[in-house]
C-alpha cells in the first residue's frame, strides 16, 4: 500500500473557511480511529458573532 501525502493547498474543511491555519495535528492510536485537531483563523466577515 502506497500513501501519497496531501499539501496545505489540498486541505478542505467544509463548511468552514480558514484564512490561516495555525495548527494541524493528526493522531492515531493502536486499534482506534485517527483524530484530527486543527486551529485556525476564520475571516471576520464569516464569523458568527453573538
PDB file of N, CA and C in Angstrom:
ATOM      1  N   UNK A   1       0.848  -1.178   0.000  1.00  0.00           N
ATOM      2  CA  UNK A   1       0.000   0.000   0.000  1.00  0.00           C
ATOM      3  C   UNK A   1       0.891   1.238   0.000  1.00  0.00           C
ATOM      4  N   UNK A   2       0.604   2.145  -0.903  1.00  0.00           N
ATOM      5  CA  UNK A   2       1.384   3.380  -1.021  1.00  0.00           C
ATOM      6  C   UNK A   2       0.554   4.541  -0.481  1.00  0.00           C
ATOM      7  N   UNK A   3       1.193   5.464   0.219  1.00  0.00           N
ATOM      8  CA  UNK A   3       0.460   6.628   0.714  1.00  0.00           C
ATOM      9  C   UNK A   3       1.022   7.879   0.061  1.00  0.00           C
ATOM     10  N   UNK A   4       0.122   8.721  -0.387  1.00  0.00           N
ATOM     11  CA  UNK A   4       0.504   9.983  -1.016  1.00  0.00           C
ATOM     12  C   UNK A   4       0.151  11.118  -0.068  1.00  0.00           C
ATOM     13  N   UNK A   5       1.120  11.893   0.373  1.00  0.00           N
ATOM     14  CA  UNK A   5       0.822  12.996   1.289  1.00  0.00           C
ATOM     15  C   UNK A   5       0.027  14.096   0.591  1.00  0.00           C
ATOM     16  N   UNK A   6      -0.806  14.781   1.374  1.00  0.00           N
ATOM     17  CA  UNK A   6      -1.520  15.934   0.841  1.00  0.00           C
ATOM     18  C   UNK A   6      -0.790  17.197   1.275  1.00  0.00           C
ATOM     19  N   UNK A   7      -1.030  18.278   0.560  1.00  0.00           N
ATOM     20  CA  UNK A   7      -0.402  19.548   0.896  1.00  0.00           C
ATOM     21  C   UNK A   7      -1.443  20.501   1.464  1.00  0.00           C
ATOM     22  N   UNK A   8      -0.981  21.598   2.026  1.00  0.00           N
ATOM     23  CA  UNK A   8      -1.866  22.614   2.595  1.00  0.00           C
ATOM     24  C   UNK A   8      -2.889  23.081   1.565  1.00  0.00           C
ATOM     25  N   UNK A   9      -2.469  23.223   0.315  1.00  0.00           N
ATOM     26  CA  UNK A   9      -3.367  23.677  -0.751  1.00  0.00           C
ATOM     27  C   UNK A   9      -4.474  22.699  -1.075  1.00  0.00           C
ATOM     28  N   UNK A  10      -4.312  21.438  -0.717  1.00  0.00           N
ATOM     29  CA  UNK A  10      -5.321  20.423  -0.996  1.00  0.00           C
ATOM     30  C   UNK A  10      -6.280  20.214   0.176  1.00  0.00           C
ATOM     31  N   UNK A  11      -5.997  20.805   1.316  1.00  0.00           N
ATOM     32  CA  UNK A  11      -6.801  20.600   2.511  1.00  0.00           C
ATOM     33  C   UNK A  11      -8.080  21.423   2.444  1.00  0.00           C
ATOM     34  N   UNK A  12      -9.223  20.765   2.638  1.00  0.00           N
ATOM     35  CA  UNK A  12     -10.513  21.455   2.629  1.00  0.00           C
ATOM     36  C   UNK A  12     -11.311  20.981   3.830  1.00  0.00           C
ATOM     37  N   UNK A  13     -11.772  21.926   4.647  1.00  0.00           N
ATOM     38  CA  UNK A  13     -12.546  21.611   5.844  1.00  0.00           C
ATOM     39  C   UNK A  13     -13.896  22.294   5.700  1.00  0.00           C
ATOM     40  N   UNK A  14     -14.865  21.583   5.170  1.00  0.00           N
ATOM     41  CA  UNK A  14     -16.182  22.179   4.968  1.00  0.00           C
ATOM     42  C   UNK A  14     -17.045  21.949   6.196  1.00  0.00           C
ATOM     43  N   UNK A  15     -17.914  22.850   6.554  1.00  0.00           N
ATOM     44  CA  UNK A  15     -18.306  24.084   5.879  1.00  0.00           C
ATOM     45  C   UNK A  15     -17.475  25.290   6.298  1.00  0.00           C
ATOM     46  N   UNK A  16     -16.338  25.080   6.945  1.00  0.00           N
ATOM     47  CA  UNK A  16     -15.523  26.186   7.439  1.00  0.00           C
ATOM     48  C   UNK A  16     -14.559  26.671   6.370  1.00  0.00           C
ATOM     49  N   UNK A  17     -14.254  27.959   6.438  1.00  0.00           N
ATOM     50  CA  UNK A  17     -13.295  28.547   5.506  1.00  0.00           C
ATOM     51  C   UNK A  17     -12.264  29.310   6.332  1.00  0.00           C
ATOM     52  N   UNK A  18     -11.033  28.865   6.286  1.00  0.00           N
ATOM     53  CA  UNK A  18      -9.972  29.483   7.078  1.00  0.00           C
ATOM     54  C   UNK A  18      -9.147  30.418   6.209  1.00  0.00           C
ATOM     55  N   UNK A  19      -8.776  31.565   6.784  1.00  0.00           N
ATOM     56  CA  UNK A  19      -7.831  32.425   6.079  1.00  0.00           C
ATOM     57  C   UNK A  19      -6.406  32.007   6.443  1.00  0.00           C
ATOM     58  N   UNK A  20      -6.265  31.337   7.593  1.00  0.00           N
ATOM     59  CA  UNK A  20      -4.950  30.855   8.017  1.00  0.00           C
ATOM     60  C   UNK A  20      -5.114  29.680   8.969  1.00  0.00           C
ATOM     61  N   UNK A  21      -4.315  28.665   8.784  1.00  0.00           N
ATOM     62  CA  UNK A  21      -4.282  27.527   9.705  1.00  0.00           C
ATOM     63  C   UNK A  21      -3.097  27.704  10.633  1.00  0.00           C
ATOM     64  N   UNK A  22      -3.338  27.683  11.942  1.00  0.00           N
ATOM     65  CA  UNK A  22      -2.267  27.861  12.922  1.00  0.00           C
ATOM     66  C   UNK A  22      -1.664  26.531  13.346  1.00  0.00           C
ATOM     67  N   UNK A  23      -2.527  25.523  13.485  1.00  0.00           N
ATOM     68  CA  UNK A  23      -2.046  24.225  13.961  1.00  0.00           C
ATOM     69  C   UNK A  23      -2.875  23.118  13.335  1.00  0.00           C
ATOM     70  N   UNK A  24      -2.224  22.054  12.956  1.00  0.00           N
ATOM     71  CA  UNK A  24      -2.886  20.870  12.409  1.00  0.00           C
ATOM     72  C   UNK A  24      -2.200  19.655  13.004  1.00  0.00           C
ATOM     73  N   UNK A  25      -2.997  18.807  13.668  1.00  0.00           N
ATOM     74  CA  UNK A  25      -2.416  17.628  14.309  1.00  0.00           C
ATOM     75  C   UNK A  25      -3.282  16.415  13.981  1.00  0.00           C
ATOM     76  N   UNK A  26      -2.653  15.343  13.565  1.00  0.00           N
ATOM     77  CA  UNK A  26      -3.339  14.080  13.297  1.00  0.00           C
ATOM     78  C   UNK A  26      -2.722  13.032  14.209  1.00  0.00           C
ATOM     79  N   UNK A  27      -3.574  12.383  14.996  1.00  0.00           N
ATOM     80  CA  UNK A  27      -3.106  11.349  15.917  1.00  0.00           C
ATOM     81  C   UNK A  27      -3.855  10.058  15.626  1.00  0.00           C
ATOM     82  N   UNK A  28      -3.150   8.954  15.660  1.00  0.00           N
ATOM     83  CA  UNK A  28      -3.803   7.660  15.558  1.00  0.00           C
ATOM     84  C   UNK A  28      -3.151   6.711  16.541  1.00  0.00           C
ATOM     85  N   UNK A  29      -3.980   6.184  17.424  1.00  0.00           N
ATOM     86  CA  UNK A  29      -3.503   5.220  18.409  1.00  0.00           C
ATOM     87  C   UNK A  29      -3.877   3.818  17.941  1.00  0.00           C
ATOM     88  N   UNK A  30      -3.160   2.858  18.423  1.00  0.00           N
ATOM     89  CA  UNK A  30      -3.375   1.474  18.052  1.00  0.00           C
ATOM     90  C   UNK A  30      -4.833   1.064  18.281  1.00  0.00           C
ATOM     91  N   UNK A  31      -5.447   0.462  17.271  1.00  0.00           N
ATOM     92  CA  UNK A  31      -6.830  -0.036  17.322  1.00  0.00           C
ATOM     93  C   UNK A  31      -7.867   1.064  17.540  1.00  0.00           C
ATOM     94  N   UNK A  32      -7.565   2.297  17.169  1.00  0.00           N
ATOM     95  CA  UNK A  32      -8.523   3.401  17.277  1.00  0.00           C
ATOM     96  C   UNK A  32      -8.555   4.178  15.974  1.00  0.00           C
ATOM     97  N   UNK A  33      -9.648   4.912  15.784  1.00  0.00           N
ATOM     98  CA  UNK A  33      -9.740   5.789  14.621  1.00  0.00           C
ATOM     99  C   UNK A  33      -8.750   6.941  14.781  1.00  0.00           C
ATOM    100  N   UNK A  34      -8.344   7.510  13.680  1.00  0.00           N
ATOM    101  CA  UNK A  34      -7.461   8.680  13.724  1.00  0.00           C
ATOM    102  C   UNK A  34      -8.262   9.890  14.190  1.00  0.00           C
ATOM    103  N   UNK A  35      -7.578  10.843  14.816  1.00  0.00           N
ATOM    104  CA  UNK A  35      -8.209  12.078  15.288  1.00  0.00           C
ATOM    105  C   UNK A  35      -7.458  13.255  14.694  1.00  0.00           C
ATOM    106  N   UNK A  36      -8.206  14.182  14.088  1.00  0.00           N
ATOM    107  CA  UNK A  36      -7.625  15.388  13.509  1.00  0.00           C
ATOM    108  C   UNK A  36      -8.060  16.574  14.354  1.00  0.00           C
ATOM    109  N   UNK A  37      -7.111  17.382  14.774  1.00  0.00           N
ATOM    110  CA  UNK A  37      -7.391  18.601  15.528  1.00  0.00           C
ATOM    111  C   UNK A  37      -6.756  19.756  14.776  1.00  0.00           C
ATOM    112  N   UNK A  38      -7.547  20.816  14.544  1.00  0.00           N
ATOM    113  CA  UNK A  38      -6.967  21.972  13.874  1.00  0.00           C
ATOM    114  C   UNK A  38      -7.418  23.260  14.520  1.00  0.00           C
ATOM    115  N   UNK A  39      -6.567  24.253  14.414  1.00  0.00           N
ATOM    116  CA  UNK A  39      -6.823  25.590  14.928  1.00  0.00           C
ATOM    117  C   UNK A  39      -6.491  26.561  13.811  1.00  0.00           C
ATOM    118  N   UNK A  40      -7.371  27.533  13.611  1.00  0.00           N
ATOM    119  CA  UNK A  40      -7.112  28.475  12.536  1.00  0.00           C
ATOM    120  C   UNK A  40      -7.881  29.770  12.703  1.00  0.00           C
ATOM    121  N   UNK A  41      -7.683  30.658  11.754  1.00  0.00           N
ATOM    122  CA  UNK A  41      -8.327  31.967  11.736  1.00  0.00           C
ATOM    123  C   UNK A  41      -9.406  31.958  10.655  1.00  0.00           C
ATOM    124  N   UNK A  42     -10.623  32.345  11.057  1.00  0.00           N
ATOM    125  CA  UNK A  42     -11.739  32.467  10.123  1.00  0.00           C
ATOM    126  C   UNK A  42     -11.867  33.946   9.769  1.00  0.00           C
ATOM    127  N   UNK A  43     -12.060  34.278   8.487  1.00  0.00           N
ATOM    128  CA  UNK A  43     -12.215  35.686   8.121  1.00  0.00           C
ATOM    129  C   UNK A  43     -13.344  36.345   8.920  1.00  0.00           C
ATOM    130  N   UNK A  44     -13.137  37.591   9.313  1.00  0.00           N
ATOM    131  CA  UNK A  44     -14.092  38.301  10.168  1.00  0.00           C
ATOM    132  C   UNK A  44     -15.505  38.309   9.594  1.00  0.00           C
ATOM    133  N   UNK A  45     -15.650  38.481   8.291  1.00  0.00           N
ATOM    134  CA  UNK A  45     -16.980  38.540   7.687  1.00  0.00           C
ATOM    135  C   UNK A  45     -17.702  37.193   7.725  1.00  0.00           C
ATOM    136  N   UNK A  46     -16.999  36.114   8.020  1.00  0.00           N
ATOM    137  CA  UNK A  46     -17.620  34.788   8.096  1.00  0.00           C
ATOM    138  C   UNK A  46     -17.827  34.314   9.531  1.00  0.00           C
ATOM    139  N   UNK A  47     -17.383  35.101  10.513  1.00  0.00           N
ATOM    140  CA  UNK A  47     -17.524  34.709  11.912  1.00  0.00           C
ATOM    141  C   UNK A  47     -18.960  34.898  12.367  1.00  0.00           C
ATOM    142  N   UNK A  48     -19.414  33.992  13.223  1.00  0.00           N
ATOM    143  CA  UNK A  48     -20.745  34.083  13.818  1.00  0.00           C
ATOM    144  C   UNK A  48     -20.585  34.746  15.178  1.00  0.00           C
ATOM    145  N   UNK A  49     -20.708  36.064  15.218  1.00  0.00           N
ATOM    146  CA  UNK A  49     -20.510  36.832  16.450  1.00  0.00           C
ATOM    147  C   UNK A  49     -21.856  37.018  17.134  1.00  0.00           C
ATOM    148  N   UNK A  50     -21.953  36.551  18.388  1.00  0.00           N
ATOM    149  CA  UNK A  50     -23.215  36.646  19.136  1.00  0.00           C
ATOM    150  C   UNK A  50     -23.199  37.837  20.054  1.00  0.00           C
TER     151      UNK A  50
END
